[in-house]
């Protein structure tokens, strides 16, 4: 014959069962929370570039925005409906979302020289050096005229000098490049 377990043993077994149930519940809750957070992080990473990042990248790779201005329709005195004239102006590849009242970026041009790469932009007839990056083995020197109408960039090495003079004409960047062995 077996005797029923003492009341103290029943109490200990009940406490162990409650502890195990709580541990399983806590583990399941933490697992679900980690899964949700990991899904959100992965979704954010796969979102790609923001509209402002895309806008900056397209400015560096595409012609200046002023050359992409679509033609406006011409008014007619005839009141009868007529088809719209075909437009031959290219459509700019810009992000669909744009903040209202945002000013277009200044026209910019990137120059690739033997000694490095530089980007110059125009604000009216004032030339501005955006950046200049020397190639390996070259150093860079930059300068501009007192009135700001011209920018000069020199990439120098022991054996070569690349020189860029850039200015703005009609709101567009113009430039002269000279490559010389030293």
Protein backbone atom coordinates (compact mmCIF):
# COMPACT_ATOMS: atom_id res chain seq x y z
CA UNK A 1 0.00 0.00 0.00
CA UNK A 2 1.14 3.41 -0.78
CA UNK A 3 0.44 6.37 1.31
CA UNK A 4 -0.67 9.72 -0.11
CA UNK A 5 2.12 12.29 -0.29
CA UNK A 6 2.34 14.64 2.63
CA UNK A 7 0.74 18.08 2.27
CA UNK A 8 4.15 19.79 2.21
CA UNK A 9 5.22 17.79 -0.86
CA UNK A 10 2.02 18.71 -2.70
CA UNK A 11 2.69 22.36 -2.01
CA UNK A 12 6.26 22.14 -3.36
CA UNK A 13 5.08 20.33 -6.52
CA UNK A 14 2.38 22.99 -7.06
CA UNK A 15 4.93 25.82 -6.71
CA UNK A 16 7.28 24.11 -9.19
CA UNK A 17 4.41 23.71 -11.70
CA UNK A 18 3.48 27.41 -11.34
CA UNK A 19 7.14 28.42 -11.78
CA UNK A 20 7.47 26.26 -14.93
CA UNK A 21 4.26 27.71 -16.42
CA UNK A 22 5.49 31.27 -15.74
CA UNK A 23 8.88 30.51 -17.31
CA UNK A 24 7.27 29.07 -20.45
CA UNK A 25 4.92 32.07 -20.72
CA UNK A 26 7.78 34.59 -20.27
CA UNK A 27 9.94 32.78 -22.83
CA UNK A 28 7.13 32.78 -25.41
CA UNK A 29 6.45 36.49 -24.81
CA UNK A 30 10.12 37.44 -25.23
CA UNK A 31 10.41 35.31 -28.38
CA UNK A 32 7.41 37.07 -29.97
CA UNK A 33 8.73 40.52 -29.00
CA UNK A 34 12.14 39.78 -30.54
CA UNK A 35 10.48 38.50 -33.72
CA UNK A 36 8.40 41.69 -34.08
CA UNK A 37 11.37 44.00 -33.48
CA UNK A 38 13.58 42.03 -35.88
CA UNK A 39 10.89 42.31 -38.56
CA UNK A 40 10.72 46.09 -38.12
CA UNK A 41 14.49 46.49 -38.33
CA UNK A 42 14.63 44.36 -41.47
CA UNK A 43 11.79 46.37 -43.05
CA UNK A 44 13.59 49.65 -42.31
CA UNK A 45 16.85 48.39 -43.83
CA UNK A 46 15.15 47.22 -47.01
CA UNK A 47 13.42 50.59 -47.45
CA UNK A 48 16.49 51.83 -49.37
CA UNK A 49 17.37 55.45 -49.98
CA UNK A 50 15.17 58.26 -48.76
CA UNK A 51 13.73 60.75 -51.29
CA UNK A 52 16.34 63.34 -50.27
CA UNK A 53 19.16 60.80 -50.82
CA UNK A 54 17.74 59.98 -54.26
CA UNK A 55 17.46 63.69 -55.08
CA UNK A 56 21.12 64.29 -54.16
CA UNK A 57 22.27 61.29 -56.18
CA UNK A 58 20.24 62.31 -59.24
CA UNK A 59 21.66 65.85 -59.08
CA UNK A 60 25.17 64.46 -59.31
CA UNK A 61 24.36 62.12 -62.21
CA UNK A 62 21.88 64.07 -64.34
CA UNK A 63 22.08 67.28 -66.35
CA UNK A 64 21.17 70.51 -64.63
CA UNK A 65 17.49 71.01 -63.78
CA UNK A 66 17.19 74.18 -65.87
CA UNK A 67 17.75 72.17 -69.05
CA UNK A 68 14.79 69.98 -68.14
CA UNK A 69 12.11 72.70 -67.85
CA UNK A 70 9.00 71.58 -69.75
CA UNK A 71 7.46 73.97 -72.25
CA UNK A 72 4.28 75.74 -71.12
CA UNK A 73 1.15 75.56 -73.30
CA UNK A 74 0.36 78.50 -75.58
CA UNK A 75 -3.05 80.18 -75.21
CA UNK A 76 -5.44 80.06 -78.17
CA UNK A 77 -8.33 82.33 -79.09
CA UNK A 78 -10.36 79.42 -80.47
CA UNK A 79 -12.96 78.18 -77.97
CA UNK A 80 -13.49 74.81 -79.61
CA UNK A 81 -11.78 71.92 -77.89
CA UNK A 82 -8.54 70.91 -79.48
CA UNK A 83 -5.99 68.29 -78.57
CA UNK A 84 -3.02 69.46 -76.56
CA UNK A 85 0.13 69.95 -78.63
CA UNK A 86 2.69 67.18 -78.16
CA UNK A 87 5.45 68.09 -75.75
CA UNK A 88 9.02 67.36 -76.76
CA UNK A 89 10.53 68.50 -73.49
CA UNK A 90 12.01 65.67 -71.41
CA UNK A 91 10.35 64.85 -68.12
CA UNK A 92 12.74 65.17 -65.16
CA UNK A 93 13.31 62.02 -63.12
CA UNK A 94 12.58 63.41 -59.67
CA UNK A 95 11.11 61.75 -56.59
CA UNK A 96 7.32 61.87 -56.46
CA UNK A 97 7.32 63.39 -52.98
CA UNK A 98 8.65 66.88 -52.68
CA UNK A 99 8.20 69.44 -49.97
CA UNK A 100 6.06 72.39 -51.02
CA UNK A 101 7.96 75.60 -51.62
CA UNK A 102 11.31 73.81 -51.87
CA UNK A 103 13.79 75.62 -54.06
CA UNK A 104 15.46 73.58 -56.78
CA UNK A 105 19.11 72.71 -56.22
CA UNK A 106 21.65 74.93 -57.93
CA UNK A 107 23.01 73.64 -61.25
CA UNK A 108 26.13 71.55 -60.62
CA UNK A 109 28.76 69.90 -62.81
CA UNK A 110 31.28 67.22 -61.92
CA UNK A 111 34.72 67.31 -63.54
CA UNK A 112 36.93 64.22 -63.75
CA UNK A 113 40.64 65.00 -64.13
CA UNK A 114 43.75 62.83 -64.09
CA UNK A 115 44.51 64.05 -60.56
CA UNK A 116 41.03 63.84 -59.07
CA UNK A 117 37.37 64.78 -59.25
CA UNK A 118 35.62 68.05 -58.34
CA UNK A 119 32.06 69.35 -58.37
CA UNK A 120 31.19 73.01 -58.95
CA UNK A 121 27.73 74.58 -58.70
CA UNK A 122 26.26 77.94 -59.70
CA UNK A 123 24.11 80.29 -57.70
CA UNK A 124 23.35 82.92 -60.30
CA UNK A 125 26.75 83.89 -61.71
CA UNK A 126 28.65 82.92 -58.55
CA UNK A 127 30.67 79.69 -58.81
CA UNK A 128 30.97 77.53 -55.71
CA UNK A 129 33.21 74.49 -55.17
CA UNK A 130 31.05 71.73 -53.65
CA UNK A 131 33.86 69.22 -53.20
CA UNK A 132 37.24 68.16 -54.58
CA UNK A 133 38.71 64.68 -54.07
CA UNK A 134 42.30 63.92 -55.16
CA UNK A 135 43.21 60.56 -56.65
CA UNK A 136 45.84 58.39 -54.98
CA UNK A 137 49.27 60.07 -55.07
CA UNK A 138 47.83 63.57 -55.65
CA UNK A 139 47.22 66.52 -53.33
CA UNK A 140 44.56 69.18 -53.86
CA UNK A 141 44.69 72.98 -53.70
CA UNK A 142 41.59 75.13 -54.13
CA UNK A 143 40.92 78.82 -54.56
CA UNK A 144 38.48 81.33 -55.98
CA UNK A 145 38.48 84.86 -57.35
CA UNK A 146 37.65 87.73 -55.00
CA UNK A 147 34.23 88.25 -56.58
CA UNK A 148 33.44 84.53 -56.46
CA UNK A 149 32.86 84.31 -60.18
CA UNK A 150 35.62 81.73 -60.75
CA UNK A 151 36.82 78.64 -58.89
CA UNK A 152 40.25 77.05 -59.31
CA UNK A 153 41.22 73.50 -58.33
CA UNK A 154 44.71 72.00 -58.71
CA UNK A 155 45.55 68.35 -58.22
CA UNK A 156 49.33 67.87 -57.93
CA UNK A 157 51.69 64.92 -57.79
CA UNK A 158 55.44 64.64 -58.30
CA UNK A 159 54.95 63.97 -62.02
CA UNK A 160 51.64 65.62 -62.98
CA UNK A 161 49.39 68.63 -62.40
CA UNK A 162 45.68 68.77 -63.24
CA UNK A 163 44.14 72.24 -63.20
CA UNK A 164 40.44 73.15 -63.35
CA UNK A 165 39.12 76.67 -63.78
CA UNK A 166 35.33 76.84 -63.53
CA UNK A 167 32.87 79.73 -63.80
CA UNK A 168 29.16 80.33 -64.28
CA UNK A 169 27.64 81.59 -67.50
CA UNK A 170 23.88 81.98 -67.75
CA UNK A 171 23.48 80.01 -64.52
CA UNK A 172 25.37 77.01 -65.97
CA UNK A 173 28.80 75.75 -64.92
CA UNK A 174 31.50 76.16 -67.56
CA UNK A 175 35.05 74.93 -67.17
CA UNK A 176 38.53 74.72 -68.56
CA UNK A 177 40.78 71.75 -67.79
CA UNK A 178 44.54 71.66 -68.25
CA UNK A 179 46.66 68.54 -67.75
CA UNK A 180 50.46 68.96 -67.56
CA UNK A 181 53.44 66.76 -66.80
CA UNK A 182 55.75 68.40 -64.26
